[in-house]
Protein backbone atom coordinates (compact mmCIF):
# COMPACT_ATOMS: atom_id res chain seq x y z
CA MET A 1 0.26 -12.68 -21.81
CA ILE A 2 3.17 -12.38 -19.38
CA GLU A 3 5.95 -14.86 -19.89
CA HIS A 4 6.67 -16.86 -16.77
CA ARG A 5 10.39 -16.97 -15.96
CA THR A 6 12.16 -18.66 -13.10
CA PRO A 7 13.17 -16.04 -10.50
CA SER A 8 16.92 -15.53 -10.42
CA LEU A 9 19.56 -14.10 -8.10
CA ASP A 10 22.53 -12.00 -9.16
CA THR A 11 25.63 -10.30 -7.77
CA LEU A 12 23.63 -7.67 -5.86
CA ALA A 13 20.41 -9.63 -5.36
CA THR A 14 21.88 -12.46 -3.33
CA ARG A 15 18.57 -13.10 -1.56
CA ALA A 16 15.71 -11.78 -3.70
CA LYS A 17 14.52 -9.37 -6.35
CA VAL A 18 11.35 -7.38 -5.64
CA ALA A 19 9.34 -5.97 -8.55
CA VAL A 20 7.52 -2.78 -7.54
CA VAL A 21 4.63 -1.44 -9.62
CA VAL A 22 3.64 2.22 -9.20
CA PRO A 23 1.46 4.73 -11.04
CA ALA A 24 3.53 6.94 -13.34
CA THR A 25 2.77 9.97 -11.16
CA ASN A 26 3.86 8.32 -7.90
CA THR A 27 7.11 9.68 -6.44
CA ILE A 28 6.91 8.24 -2.91
CA VAL A 29 6.73 4.45 -3.19
CA GLN A 30 10.10 4.04 -4.87
CA PRO A 31 12.21 5.96 -2.32
CA GLU A 32 10.24 4.63 0.65
CA MET A 33 10.63 1.00 -0.41
CA GLU A 34 14.29 1.57 -1.23
CA ALA A 35 14.74 2.85 2.34
CA MET A 36 13.23 -0.41 3.63
CA ARG A 37 15.35 -2.70 1.44
CA PRO A 38 17.41 -5.20 3.44
CA PRO A 39 20.90 -6.33 2.40
CA GLY A 40 20.92 -8.74 -0.52
CA VAL A 41 17.49 -7.64 -1.76
CA THR A 42 17.08 -5.38 -4.80
CA ASN A 43 13.99 -3.46 -5.92
CA HIS A 44 12.99 -3.06 -9.58
CA VAL A 45 10.36 -0.41 -10.32
CA THR A 46 7.96 -0.34 -13.24
CA ARG A 47 5.41 2.41 -13.90
CA MET A 48 1.86 2.21 -15.16
CA HIS A 49 -0.25 4.90 -16.75
CA LEU A 50 -3.30 5.84 -14.70
CA PRO A 51 -5.62 8.72 -15.63
CA PRO A 52 -6.13 11.35 -12.88
CA ARG A 53 -9.49 11.38 -11.11
CA PRO A 54 -11.60 14.55 -11.49
CA TYR A 55 -11.52 15.69 -7.86
CA ASP A 56 -13.57 18.79 -8.72
CA ASP A 57 -16.55 16.61 -9.74
CA GLN A 58 -17.40 14.11 -7.00
CA VAL A 59 -19.86 12.16 -9.14
CA ALA A 60 -17.22 11.64 -11.81
CA TYR A 61 -14.64 10.97 -9.10
CA LYS A 62 -16.76 8.16 -7.66
CA LYS A 63 -17.34 6.68 -11.12
CA ALA A 64 -13.61 6.73 -11.81
CA LEU A 65 -12.95 4.83 -8.60
CA GLU A 66 -15.30 2.10 -9.76
CA THR A 67 -14.23 1.86 -13.41
CA GLU A 68 -10.65 3.09 -13.96
CA GLU A 69 -8.13 0.42 -14.90
CA GLY A 70 -4.70 1.76 -15.90
CA ASN A 71 -2.18 -0.36 -17.79
CA LEU A 72 -1.05 -2.68 -15.00
CA GLU A 73 -0.50 -5.68 -17.23
CA ALA A 74 1.69 -3.71 -19.65
CA ALA A 75 3.78 -2.51 -16.71
CA LEU A 76 4.11 -6.08 -15.45
CA GLN A 77 5.26 -7.29 -18.86
CA LEU A 78 8.16 -4.85 -18.64
CA VAL A 79 9.32 -5.79 -15.16
CA MET A 80 8.77 -9.54 -15.07
CA VAL A 81 11.57 -10.16 -17.59
CA CYS A 82 14.12 -9.26 -14.87
CA GLU A 83 13.03 -12.46 -13.10
CA PRO A 84 11.82 -11.12 -9.73
CA HIS A 85 10.76 -13.33 -6.85
CA VAL A 86 7.74 -11.26 -5.77
CA VAL A 87 5.68 -8.30 -6.97
CA ALA A 88 4.74 -5.48 -4.59
CA HIS A 89 1.90 -3.35 -5.95
CA GLY A 90 2.43 0.28 -5.00
CA HIS A 91 -1.04 1.47 -5.96
CA SER A 92 -3.63 1.04 -3.26
CA ILE A 93 -7.09 2.31 -4.16
CA HIS A 94 -8.03 -0.37 -6.72
CA SER A 95 -7.30 -3.15 -4.24
CA PHE A 96 -9.95 -1.75 -1.86
CA ARG A 97 -12.82 -2.09 -4.34
CA GLY A 98 -15.55 -4.38 -3.08
CA ASP A 99 -15.07 -6.77 -0.20
CA GLY A 100 -12.35 -9.00 1.14
CA GLN A 101 -13.26 -11.90 -1.14
CA ARG A 102 -12.92 -9.69 -4.19
CA ALA A 103 -9.51 -8.52 -2.98
CA LEU A 104 -8.38 -12.12 -2.47
CA ALA A 105 -9.61 -13.14 -5.91
CA GLU A 106 -7.77 -10.23 -7.54
CA GLU A 107 -4.54 -11.03 -5.75
CA GLU A 108 -4.82 -14.66 -6.79
CA ARG A 109 -5.50 -13.62 -10.41
CA LEU A 110 -2.39 -11.44 -10.45
CA GLU A 111 -0.26 -14.18 -8.90
CA LYS A 112 -1.37 -16.58 -11.61
CA LEU A 113 -0.68 -13.93 -14.24
CA CYS A 114 2.86 -13.31 -13.00
CA GLY A 115 3.79 -16.76 -11.75
CA VAL A 116 5.25 -15.40 -8.48
CA PRO A 117 3.75 -14.09 -5.22
CA PHE A 118 1.87 -10.84 -5.80
CA VAL A 119 1.21 -8.49 -2.88
CA THR A 120 -1.70 -6.06 -3.14
CA PRO A 121 -1.93 -3.18 -0.66
CA SER A 122 -5.33 -4.08 0.80
CA ARG A 123 -4.30 -7.66 1.48
CA ALA A 124 -0.97 -6.48 2.92
CA VAL A 125 -2.72 -4.12 5.36
CA LEU A 126 -4.99 -6.98 6.45
CA ALA A 127 -1.90 -9.16 6.99
CA GLY A 128 -0.31 -6.37 9.02
CA LEU A 129 -3.37 -6.01 11.21
CA LYS A 130 -3.43 -9.75 11.78
CA ALA A 131 0.27 -9.81 12.65
CA ILE A 132 -0.05 -7.23 15.44
CA GLY A 133 -2.93 -9.10 17.07
CA GLN A 134 -5.88 -8.16 14.85
CA PRO A 135 -7.29 -5.15 16.71
CA ARG A 136 -10.87 -4.58 15.56
CA LYS A 137 -11.35 -0.81 15.82
CA ILE A 138 -9.45 1.21 13.23
CA ALA A 139 -9.14 4.87 12.21
CA ILE A 140 -8.16 5.51 8.58
CA LEU A 141 -6.23 8.42 7.07
CA THR A 142 -6.12 8.88 3.29
CA PRO A 143 -5.15 11.61 0.81
CA TYR A 144 -8.51 11.13 -0.91
CA TRP A 145 -11.99 12.63 -1.12
CA PRO A 146 -15.18 11.25 0.55
CA PRO A 147 -16.17 8.71 -2.14
CA ALA A 148 -12.79 6.99 -1.82
CA ASP A 149 -12.83 7.18 1.96
CA MET A 150 -16.27 5.54 2.02
CA MET A 151 -15.11 2.79 -0.35
CA ILE A 152 -12.10 1.99 1.85
CA ALA A 153 -14.18 2.04 5.04
CA ASP A 154 -16.71 -0.33 3.45
CA PHE A 155 -13.89 -2.69 2.51
CA PHE A 156 -12.63 -2.91 6.09
CA ARG A 157 -16.15 -3.35 7.43
CA SER A 158 -16.62 -6.26 5.01
CA CYS A 159 -13.53 -7.82 6.59
CA GLY A 160 -14.96 -7.57 10.10
CA TYR A 161 -13.38 -4.31 11.29
CA GLU A 162 -15.12 -1.44 13.01
CA VAL A 163 -14.13 1.84 11.39
CA THR A 164 -14.24 4.47 14.12
CA SER A 165 -13.46 7.33 11.71
CA THR A 166 -11.97 8.25 8.36
CA TYR A 167 -10.25 11.44 7.31
CA GLY A 168 -9.23 12.39 3.77
CA LEU A 169 -6.71 15.12 3.08
CA LYS A 170 -8.49 15.93 -0.21
CA SER A 171 -5.55 16.03 -2.58
CA THR A 172 -6.03 18.18 -5.69
CA GLY A 173 -4.35 15.67 -8.00
CA PRO A 174 -2.08 12.62 -8.01
CA THR A 175 1.27 14.44 -7.76
CA ALA A 176 -0.12 16.80 -5.12
CA VAL A 177 -0.42 13.87 -2.70
CA ALA A 178 3.36 13.75 -2.38
CA ARG A 179 3.49 17.43 -1.41
CA PHE A 180 1.61 17.10 1.87
CA THR A 181 4.04 18.12 4.60
CA ALA A 182 4.90 16.19 7.74
CA ALA A 183 2.93 18.76 9.75
CA GLN A 184 -0.15 18.32 7.55
CA ILE A 185 0.10 14.54 7.78
CA MET A 186 0.46 14.64 11.56
CA GLN A 187 -2.55 16.94 11.78
CA GLY A 188 -4.48 14.50 9.61
CA PHE A 189 -3.80 11.71 12.07
CA ALA A 190 -4.84 14.01 14.92
CA ASP A 191 -8.11 14.71 13.10
CA VAL A 192 -8.87 11.04 12.46
CA ASP A 193 -7.81 9.60 15.81
CA GLN A 194 -10.60 8.64 18.21
CA PRO A 195 -10.27 7.45 21.82
CA ASP A 196 -11.76 4.06 20.99
CA ALA A 197 -9.58 3.45 17.90
CA GLU A 198 -7.09 0.68 18.65
CA VAL A 199 -4.93 1.17 15.57
CA LEU A 200 -4.31 3.80 12.90
CA VAL A 201 -4.36 2.83 9.22
CA HIS A 202 -2.97 4.79 6.30
CA VAL A 203 -4.10 4.18 2.70
CA GLY A 204 -2.67 6.08 -0.28
CA THR A 205 0.76 5.06 -1.55
CA ASN A 206 1.90 8.54 -2.69
CA LEU A 207 1.46 10.02 0.81
CA PRO A 208 4.91 10.16 2.51
CA VAL A 209 4.06 8.49 5.80
CA SER A 210 6.47 5.54 6.16
CA ALA A 211 9.43 7.29 7.79
CA MET A 212 7.05 9.13 10.14
CA THR A 213 5.61 5.89 11.52
CA PRO A 214 7.60 5.76 14.80
CA GLN A 215 6.82 9.42 15.50
CA ILE A 216 3.10 8.90 14.81
CA GLU A 217 2.95 5.76 16.97
CA GLU A 218 4.67 7.55 19.84
CA LYS A 219 2.45 10.63 19.63
CA PHE A 220 -0.86 8.75 19.55
CA GLY A 221 0.14 5.69 21.56
CA LYS A 222 -1.20 3.31 18.92
CA PRO A 223 0.25 1.13 16.16
CA LEU A 224 0.13 2.47 12.61
CA ILE A 225 -0.34 0.12 9.69
CA GLY A 226 0.76 2.22 6.73
CA VAL A 227 0.14 0.94 3.24
CA ASN A 228 3.69 1.16 1.88
CA VAL A 229 5.32 -0.33 4.96
CA ALA A 230 2.74 -3.14 5.04
CA THR A 231 3.13 -3.91 1.33
CA TYR A 232 6.91 -4.15 1.39
CA TRP A 233 6.95 -5.95 4.75
CA HIS A 234 4.46 -8.50 3.46
CA ALA A 235 6.40 -9.00 0.22
CA LEU A 236 9.53 -9.85 2.19
CA ARG A 237 7.69 -12.06 4.64
CA ARG A 238 6.07 -14.03 1.81
CA LEU A 239 9.58 -14.84 0.62
CA GLY A 240 10.60 -15.95 4.11
CA ILE A 241 12.81 -12.89 4.65
CA GLN A 242 12.35 -11.97 8.31
CA ASP A 243 14.71 -8.98 8.63
CA LYS A 244 13.57 -6.14 10.84
CA LEU A 245 13.05 -2.90 8.95
CA PRO A 246 14.41 -0.25 11.33
CA GLY A 247 12.78 3.15 11.56
CA MET A 248 9.50 1.97 10.06
CA GLY A 249 7.42 1.32 13.14
CA LEU A 250 6.03 -1.55 15.16
CA LEU A 251 4.95 -3.83 12.31
CA ALA A 252 8.20 -3.64 10.38
CA GLU A 253 10.48 -3.81 13.41
CA LYS A 254 8.83 -6.52 15.51
CA TYR A 255 6.84 -8.82 13.19
């Protein structure tokens, strides 16, 4: 059970405190969300244990996607005592299990558990797509392997989107995701982009995409809804904080 406390401000958090939950192996969400932090908002990171998926056994990998849990609630117990106003979940893959209704139900469950708004990555990406005009044809880049790519594509199809293509960078472990270079990431977007795709989508919170967003949008001439940008943007917007987040692309700067 997580104790519900009234969110509080302090000397540095004059506008809001954001709790950020990440897997223990994730080294990208924390610095990326810190780079997006507007004045008067403070971020407070908590880490959850999550077993690595066996990428060298695709049957076991697929099973892990469907069954792994991690210790999210234990991580939330640690961070909620600092009295944050919102929780931003920096772990994406679990929120793409099933369809849109399942994602909504899980977000609502976590909000009730924490007693404050809770932003899951899948719901944040959907909110980002809606904000920019809800383009229907999307191309998706991930750091994952085919079973995860298929799961994510099925999620978006369940929400009414046409997935023109997916491309997974096939990371060899959770910390390896953060070691993909800017050149490799750009090539990944080149591989996934299709002429009929209206928007690019990035899923995988440990892939360092956020600061590249303007460059990617300029190169391909399309908006990019990246998971970390969308999650933090949506967390702020749910609190009524409308600051532009410079250097983070169309969604963060204009909506």
